[in-house]
Amino acid sequence: MIVNTAIKLAYHTQTAKVIHIDHAENGRACQCECMKCNEKLIAVQGDIRVKHFRHDKNPDCDGSQETALHQLGIQILVENNQIAIPIIGLIDYSNAIEEKKFYATRPDVTAIYREQSLYFEIAVNHFMEPDKDLFFTTGHHKCVEIDLSAADTFSYEKIKNSVLIETSNKKLLGWEQVQISPPPIHNWIGKIAIGTLFLLIVDWVFNRPRR
């Protein structure tokens, strides 16, 4: 469920992209439409009220914000080249493309990471189905599922942070080789040997025959 219920996202007719109220021109000059009813929207950006889009004649429409947020998440991934993910941290990716078909599936975004394909899925109100999850996991196809179901749409920067910076809302699939490796076994052997030697020395010092 999206944290902010006001309509913050709309379809920008001039660029054919989803736009946040933060980046829209004021009033009818915003050139925006509702992504649910296709009615033209008015950008309300006064000093008193919270910035939002308003329907001109259909005030009961919710603006399909889940769909808009899903599309905006895709746009943010395509327009950038770095993302923080669990365990690994910040990684670079390139050549991000929206909805490129891959076998029987069509990931939201396909990119390149270390000369291999990397896939992204954006979840707002529909999470990855078990068969799709299994496809990435068993096929060792690196995928990152980004959960935006609780994203705060109050500002564009908050949304961008949820997509690119936050890691608690991300799930890795097909990354089995990515794990925190234990220290090499020779390190453990060395530590055990040193510890044993120390105990032997202590025992000899305190229990050696006295003359």
C-alpha atoms as a PDB file:
ATOM      1  CA  MET A   1       0.000   0.000   0.000  1.00  0.00           C
ATOM      2  CA  ILE A   2       1.443   3.360  -1.059  1.00  0.00           C
ATOM      3  CA  VAL A   3       2.133   5.599   1.932  1.00  0.00           C
ATOM      4  CA  ASN A   4       0.935   8.848   0.352  1.00  0.00           C
ATOM      5  CA  THR A   5      -2.635   8.746  -0.983  1.00  0.00           C
ATOM      6  CA  ALA A   6      -2.593  12.057  -2.894  1.00  0.00           C
ATOM      7  CA  ILE A   7      -2.075  11.854  -6.652  1.00  0.00           C
ATOM      8  CA  LYS A   8       1.629  12.542  -7.079  1.00  0.00           C
ATOM      9  CA  LEU A   9       2.268  10.693 -10.329  1.00  0.00           C
ATOM     10  CA  ALA A  10       0.794  11.286 -13.772  1.00  0.00           C
ATOM     11  CA  TYR A  11       1.365  10.638 -17.453  1.00  0.00           C
ATOM     12  CA  HIS A  12       3.288  13.488 -19.079  1.00  0.00           C
ATOM     13  CA  THR A  13       2.015  13.766 -22.637  1.00  0.00           C
ATOM     14  CA  GLN A  14       5.001  15.721 -23.927  1.00  0.00           C
ATOM     15  CA  THR A  15       7.597  13.080 -22.942  1.00  0.00           C
ATOM     16  CA  ALA A  16       5.305  10.022 -22.833  1.00  0.00           C
ATOM     17  CA  LYS A  17       6.687   9.217 -19.388  1.00  0.00           C
ATOM     18  CA  VAL A  18       5.451   9.129 -15.812  1.00  0.00           C
ATOM     19  CA  ILE A  19       6.182  12.402 -14.060  1.00  0.00           C
ATOM     20  CA  HIS A  20       6.201  13.300 -10.374  1.00  0.00           C
ATOM     21  CA  ILE A  21       4.448  16.460  -9.201  1.00  0.00           C
ATOM     22  CA  ASP A  22       7.885  17.752  -8.119  1.00  0.00           C
ATOM     23  CA  HIS A  23       8.896  18.037 -11.776  1.00  0.00           C
ATOM     24  CA  ALA A  24       5.624  19.285 -13.271  1.00  0.00           C
ATOM     25  CA  GLU A  25       4.750  22.807 -14.341  1.00  0.00           C
ATOM     26  CA  ASN A  26       1.975  24.463 -12.356  1.00  0.00           C
ATOM     27  CA  GLY A  27      -1.689  24.323 -13.283  1.00  0.00           C
ATOM     28  CA  ARG A  28      -2.873  23.070 -16.659  1.00  0.00           C
ATOM     29  CA  ALA A  29       0.538  23.850 -18.125  1.00  0.00           C
ATOM     30  CA  CYS A  30       1.763  20.562 -16.677  1.00  0.00           C
ATOM     31  CA  GLN A  31       0.450  18.738 -19.779  1.00  0.00           C
ATOM     32  CA  CYS A  32      -0.432  15.694 -17.705  1.00  0.00           C
ATOM     33  CA  GLU A  33      -3.145  13.067 -17.845  1.00  0.00           C
ATOM     34  CA  CYS A  34      -4.523  10.572 -15.355  1.00  0.00           C
ATOM     35  CA  MET A  35      -3.165   7.075 -15.930  1.00  0.00           C
ATOM     36  CA  LYS A  36      -6.527   5.545 -15.043  1.00  0.00           C
ATOM     37  CA  CYS A  37      -9.268   7.666 -16.602  1.00  0.00           C
ATOM     38  CA  ASN A  38      -7.107   9.605 -19.115  1.00  0.00           C
ATOM     39  CA  GLU A  39      -8.608  12.916 -17.972  1.00  0.00           C
ATOM     40  CA  LYS A  40      -6.365  15.965 -18.062  1.00  0.00           C
ATOM     41  CA  LEU A  41      -4.894  16.861 -14.688  1.00  0.00           C
ATOM     42  CA  ILE A  42      -4.116  20.147 -12.993  1.00  0.00           C
ATOM     43  CA  ALA A  43      -0.894  20.502 -11.005  1.00  0.00           C
ATOM     44  CA  VAL A  44      -1.640  22.105  -7.631  1.00  0.00           C
ATOM     45  CA  GLN A  45       1.585  23.598  -6.304  1.00  0.00           C
ATOM     46  CA  GLY A  46       0.622  26.384  -3.907  1.00  0.00           C
ATOM     47  CA  ASP A  47       2.422  27.299  -0.699  1.00  0.00           C
ATOM     48  CA  ILE A  48      -0.394  26.146   1.595  1.00  0.00           C
ATOM     49  CA  ARG A  49      -1.574  22.791   0.276  1.00  0.00           C
ATOM     50  CA  VAL A  50       0.638  19.765  -0.335  1.00  0.00           C
ATOM     51  CA  LYS A  51       1.643  19.534  -3.986  1.00  0.00           C
ATOM     52  CA  HIS A  52      -0.508  17.111  -5.962  1.00  0.00           C
ATOM     53  CA  PHE A  53      -2.351  16.547  -9.222  1.00  0.00           C
ATOM     54  CA  ARG A  54      -6.076  17.255  -9.307  1.00  0.00           C
ATOM     55  CA  HIS A  55      -8.703  15.989 -11.714  1.00  0.00           C
ATOM     56  CA  ASP A  56     -10.641  18.701 -13.467  1.00  0.00           C
ATOM     57  CA  LYS A  57     -13.963  16.816 -13.568  1.00  0.00           C
ATOM     58  CA  ASN A  58     -13.438  13.399 -11.972  1.00  0.00           C
ATOM     59  CA  PRO A  59     -12.436  13.960  -8.315  1.00  0.00           C
ATOM     60  CA  ASP A  60     -13.251  10.389  -7.243  1.00  0.00           C
ATOM     61  CA  CYS A  61     -10.596   8.805  -9.463  1.00  0.00           C
ATOM     62  CA  ASP A  62      -7.521   7.576  -7.558  1.00  0.00           C
ATOM     63  CA  GLY A  63      -5.169   8.113 -10.493  1.00  0.00           C
ATOM     64  CA  SER A  64      -3.940   4.500 -10.601  1.00  0.00           C
ATOM     65  CA  GLN A  65      -0.907   5.367  -8.486  1.00  0.00           C
ATOM     66  CA  GLU A  66       0.278   1.749  -8.152  1.00  0.00           C
ATOM     67  CA  THR A  67       0.589   1.435 -11.931  1.00  0.00           C
ATOM     68  CA  ALA A  68       2.256   4.837 -12.157  1.00  0.00           C
ATOM     69  CA  LEU A  69       4.741   3.966  -9.395  1.00  0.00           C
ATOM     70  CA  HIS A  70       5.609   0.689 -11.095  1.00  0.00           C
ATOM     71  CA  GLN A  71       6.351   2.513 -14.347  1.00  0.00           C
ATOM     72  CA  LEU A  72       8.331   5.239 -12.593  1.00  0.00           C
ATOM     73  CA  GLY A  73      10.464   2.596 -10.869  1.00  0.00           C
ATOM     74  CA  ILE A  74      11.295   1.164 -14.287  1.00  0.00           C
ATOM     75  CA  GLN A  75      12.163   4.623 -15.605  1.00  0.00           C
ATOM     76  CA  ILE A  76      14.498   5.296 -12.672  1.00  0.00           C
ATOM     77  CA  LEU A  77      16.376   2.044 -13.311  1.00  0.00           C
ATOM     78  CA  VAL A  78      16.703   2.780 -17.040  1.00  0.00           C
ATOM     79  CA  GLU A  79      17.885   6.354 -16.446  1.00  0.00           C
ATOM     80  CA  ASN A  80      20.595   5.398 -13.926  1.00  0.00           C
ATOM     81  CA  ASN A  81      23.562   3.034 -13.750  1.00  0.00           C
ATOM     82  CA  GLN A  82      24.179   2.335 -10.047  1.00  0.00           C
ATOM     83  CA  ILE A  83      22.108   0.516  -7.427  1.00  0.00           C
ATOM     84  CA  ALA A  84      22.657  -0.744  -3.889  1.00  0.00           C
ATOM     85  CA  ILE A  85      21.654  -4.370  -3.315  1.00  0.00           C
ATOM     86  CA  PRO A  86      21.754  -6.665  -0.267  1.00  0.00           C
ATOM     87  CA  ILE A  87      25.069  -8.304   0.741  1.00  0.00           C
ATOM     88  CA  ILE A  88      27.088  -6.778  -2.115  1.00  0.00           C
ATOM     89  CA  GLY A  89      26.333  -3.078  -1.702  1.00  0.00           C
ATOM     90  CA  LEU A  90      26.655  -0.574  -4.539  1.00  0.00           C
ATOM     91  CA  ILE A  91      27.067  -2.021  -8.025  1.00  0.00           C
ATOM     92  CA  ASP A  92      27.354  -0.527 -11.496  1.00  0.00           C
ATOM     93  CA  TYR A  93      25.169  -1.653 -14.371  1.00  0.00           C
ATOM     94  CA  SER A  94      24.749  -0.501 -17.952  1.00  0.00           C
ATOM     95  CA  ASN A  95      22.567  -0.753 -21.060  1.00  0.00           C
ATOM     96  CA  ALA A  96      19.327  -0.898 -19.090  1.00  0.00           C
ATOM     97  CA  ILE A  97      16.345  -1.704 -21.333  1.00  0.00           C
ATOM     98  CA  GLU A  98      12.668  -1.829 -20.420  1.00  0.00           C
ATOM     99  CA  GLU A  99      10.729  -5.094 -20.773  1.00  0.00           C
ATOM    100  CA  LYS A 100      13.052  -7.056 -23.052  1.00  0.00           C
ATOM    101  CA  LYS A 101      11.756 -10.596 -23.627  1.00  0.00           C
ATOM    102  CA  PHE A 102      13.857 -13.357 -22.063  1.00  0.00           C
ATOM    103  CA  TYR A 103      12.692 -16.863 -22.923  1.00  0.00           C
ATOM    104  CA  ALA A 104       9.058 -17.121 -21.746  1.00  0.00           C
ATOM    105  CA  THR A 105       9.327 -14.181 -19.377  1.00  0.00           C
ATOM    106  CA  ARG A 106       9.669 -10.420 -19.776  1.00  0.00           C
ATOM    107  CA  PRO A 107      11.556  -8.780 -16.866  1.00  0.00           C
ATOM    108  CA  ASP A 108      10.702  -5.154 -16.115  1.00  0.00           C
ATOM    109  CA  VAL A 109      14.295  -4.118 -16.844  1.00  0.00           C
ATOM    110  CA  THR A 110      17.242  -5.955 -18.375  1.00  0.00           C
ATOM    111  CA  ALA A 111      20.767  -4.590 -17.876  1.00  0.00           C
ATOM    112  CA  ILE A 112      24.419  -5.663 -18.002  1.00  0.00           C
ATOM    113  CA  TYR A 113      26.451  -6.339 -14.861  1.00  0.00           C
ATOM    114  CA  ARG A 114      30.036  -7.642 -15.160  1.00  0.00           C
ATOM    115  CA  GLU A 115      29.430  -8.668 -18.772  1.00  0.00           C
ATOM    116  CA  GLN A 116      26.389 -10.732 -17.791  1.00  0.00           C
ATOM    117  CA  SER A 117      22.681 -10.037 -17.935  1.00  0.00           C
ATOM    118  CA  LEU A 118      21.051  -8.594 -14.827  1.00  0.00           C
ATOM    119  CA  TYR A 119      17.274  -8.472 -14.433  1.00  0.00           C
ATOM    120  CA  PHE A 120      15.080  -6.209 -12.337  1.00  0.00           C
ATOM    121  CA  GLU A 121      11.473  -6.694 -11.259  1.00  0.00           C
ATOM    122  CA  ILE A 122       9.436  -3.892  -9.656  1.00  0.00           C
ATOM    123  CA  ALA A 123       6.736  -5.013  -7.196  1.00  0.00           C
ATOM    124  CA  VAL A 124       4.023  -2.614  -6.060  1.00  0.00           C
ATOM    125  CA  ASN A 125       0.818  -4.598  -5.675  1.00  0.00           C
ATOM    126  CA  HIS A 126       1.839  -7.732  -7.606  1.00  0.00           C
ATOM    127  CA  PHE A 127       4.905  -9.670  -6.523  1.00  0.00           C
ATOM    128  CA  MET A 128       6.826 -12.212  -8.538  1.00  0.00           C
ATOM    129  CA  GLU A 129       4.899 -15.412  -9.145  1.00  0.00           C
ATOM    130  CA  PRO A 130       6.437 -18.706  -7.877  1.00  0.00           C
ATOM    131  CA  ASP A 131       7.179 -20.040 -11.365  1.00  0.00           C
ATOM    132  CA  LYS A 132       8.997 -16.838 -12.317  1.00  0.00           C
ATOM    133  CA  ASP A 133      10.901 -16.910  -9.014  1.00  0.00           C
ATOM    134  CA  LEU A 134      11.895 -20.507  -9.726  1.00  0.00           C
ATOM    135  CA  PHE A 135      12.961 -19.604 -13.276  1.00  0.00           C
ATOM    136  CA  PHE A 136      15.511 -17.052 -12.060  1.00  0.00           C
ATOM    137  CA  THR A 137      16.680 -19.116  -9.088  1.00  0.00           C
ATOM    138  CA  THR A 138      17.199 -22.486 -10.763  1.00  0.00           C
ATOM    139  CA  GLY A 139      18.543 -20.925 -13.951  1.00  0.00           C
ATOM    140  CA  HIS A 140      21.066 -18.816 -12.015  1.00  0.00           C
ATOM    141  CA  HIS A 141      19.822 -15.733 -13.827  1.00  0.00           C
ATOM    142  CA  LYS A 142      20.726 -12.785 -11.613  1.00  0.00           C
ATOM    143  CA  CYS A 143      17.570 -10.891 -10.692  1.00  0.00           C
ATOM    144  CA  VAL A 144      16.742  -8.162  -8.172  1.00  0.00           C
ATOM    145  CA  GLU A 145      13.121  -7.780  -7.074  1.00  0.00           C
ATOM    146  CA  ILE A 146      12.437  -4.290  -5.710  1.00  0.00           C
ATOM    147  CA  ASP A 147       9.472  -3.938  -3.355  1.00  0.00           C
ATOM    148  CA  LEU A 148       7.829  -0.509  -3.693  1.00  0.00           C
ATOM    149  CA  SER A 149       4.545  -1.510  -2.027  1.00  0.00           C
ATOM    150  CA  ALA A 150       5.310   0.687   0.994  1.00  0.00           C
ATOM    151  CA  ALA A 151       7.111   3.458  -0.899  1.00  0.00           C
ATOM    152  CA  ASP A 152       6.489   7.031   0.171  1.00  0.00           C
ATOM    153  CA  THR A 153       5.533   8.963  -2.959  1.00  0.00           C
ATOM    154  CA  PHE A 154       5.667  12.346  -1.200  1.00  0.00           C
ATOM    155  CA  SER A 155       8.706  13.353  -3.237  1.00  0.00           C
ATOM    156  CA  TYR A 156      10.533  12.091  -6.296  1.00  0.00           C
ATOM    157  CA  GLU A 157      13.744  11.767  -4.257  1.00  0.00           C
ATOM    158  CA  LYS A 158      12.041   9.432  -1.768  1.00  0.00           C
ATOM    159  CA  ILE A 159      10.934   7.167  -4.598  1.00  0.00           C
ATOM    160  CA  LYS A 160      14.369   7.267  -6.221  1.00  0.00           C
ATOM    161  CA  ASN A 161      15.956   6.377  -2.880  1.00  0.00           C
ATOM    162  CA  SER A 162      13.614   3.383  -2.519  1.00  0.00           C
ATOM    163  CA  VAL A 163      14.637   2.133  -5.962  1.00  0.00           C
ATOM    164  CA  LEU A 164      18.382   2.795  -5.949  1.00  0.00           C
ATOM    165  CA  ILE A 165      19.656   3.225  -2.377  1.00  0.00           C
ATOM    166  CA  GLU A 166      17.515   1.274   0.091  1.00  0.00           C
ATOM    167  CA  THR A 167      18.399  -2.421   0.366  1.00  0.00           C
ATOM    168  CA  SER A 168      15.879  -3.769   2.909  1.00  0.00           C
ATOM    169  CA  ASN A 169      13.193  -3.763   0.195  1.00  0.00           C
ATOM    170  CA  LYS A 170      15.216  -5.840  -2.276  1.00  0.00           C
ATOM    171  CA  LYS A 171      15.341  -9.589  -2.845  1.00  0.00           C
ATOM    172  CA  LEU A 172      18.076 -11.381  -4.781  1.00  0.00           C
ATOM    173  CA  LEU A 173      17.305 -14.370  -6.999  1.00  0.00           C
ATOM    174  CA  GLY A 174      19.845 -16.454  -8.899  1.00  0.00           C
ATOM    175  CA  TRP A 175      22.747 -15.035  -6.874  1.00  0.00           C
ATOM    176  CA  GLU A 176      23.647 -18.256  -4.994  1.00  0.00           C
ATOM    177  CA  GLN A 177      27.356 -17.662  -5.459  1.00  0.00           C
ATOM    178  CA  VAL A 178      27.025 -14.282  -3.751  1.00  0.00           C
ATOM    179  CA  GLN A 179      27.421 -14.865  -0.053  1.00  0.00           C
ATOM    180  CA  ILE A 180      29.583 -13.820   2.828  1.00  0.00           C
ATOM    181  CA  SER A 181      32.379 -16.385   2.536  1.00  0.00           C
ATOM    182  CA  PRO A 182      33.842 -17.849   5.736  1.00  0.00           C
ATOM    183  CA  PRO A 183      37.556 -17.324   6.349  1.00  0.00           C
ATOM    184  CA  PRO A 184      39.797 -19.807   4.493  1.00  0.00           C
ATOM    185  CA  ILE A 185      40.299 -23.065   6.367  1.00  0.00           C
ATOM    186  CA  HIS A 186      44.040 -22.474   6.759  1.00  0.00           C
ATOM    187  CA  ASN A 187      43.215 -19.388   8.840  1.00  0.00           C
ATOM    188  CA  TRP A 188      41.208 -21.514  11.256  1.00  0.00           C
ATOM    189  CA  ILE A 189      43.978 -24.128  11.429  1.00  0.00           C
ATOM    190  CA  GLY A 190      46.519 -21.418  12.194  1.00  0.00           C
ATOM    191  CA  LYS A 191      44.363 -19.957  14.960  1.00  0.00           C
ATOM    192  CA  ILE A 192      43.801 -23.384  16.529  1.00  0.00           C
ATOM    193  CA  ALA A 193      47.529 -24.173  16.429  1.00  0.00           C
ATOM    194  CA  ILE A 194      48.451 -20.855  18.042  1.00  0.00           C
ATOM    195  CA  GLY A 195      45.792 -21.319  20.724  1.00  0.00           C
ATOM    196  CA  THR A 196      46.961 -24.830  21.513  1.00  0.00           C
ATOM    197  CA  LEU A 197      50.574 -23.692  21.738  1.00  0.00           C
ATOM    198  CA  PHE A 198      49.585 -20.878  24.098  1.00  0.00           C
ATOM    199  CA  LEU A 199      47.752 -23.297  26.413  1.00  0.00           C
ATOM    200  CA  LEU A 200      50.736 -25.653  26.459  1.00  0.00           C
ATOM    201  CA  ILE A 201      53.077 -22.804  27.406  1.00  0.00           C
ATOM    202  CA  VAL A 202      50.757 -21.625  30.188  1.00  0.00           C
ATOM    203  CA  ASP A 203      50.441 -25.180  31.509  1.00  0.00           C
ATOM    204  CA  TRP A 204      54.225 -25.627  31.496  1.00  0.00           C
ATOM    205  CA  VAL A 205      54.827 -22.315  33.285  1.00  0.00           C
ATOM    206  CA  PHE A 206      52.398 -23.059  36.126  1.00  0.00           C
ATOM    207  CA  ASN A 207      52.924 -26.798  36.432  1.00  0.00           C
ATOM    208  CA  ARG A 208      56.639 -27.238  35.747  1.00  0.00           C
ATOM    209  CA  PRO A 209      58.635 -29.045  38.464  1.00  0.00           C
ATOM    210  CA  ARG A 210      60.055 -26.672  41.088  1.00  0.00           C
ATOM    211  CA  ARG A 211      63.692 -27.088  42.243  1.00  0.00           C
END
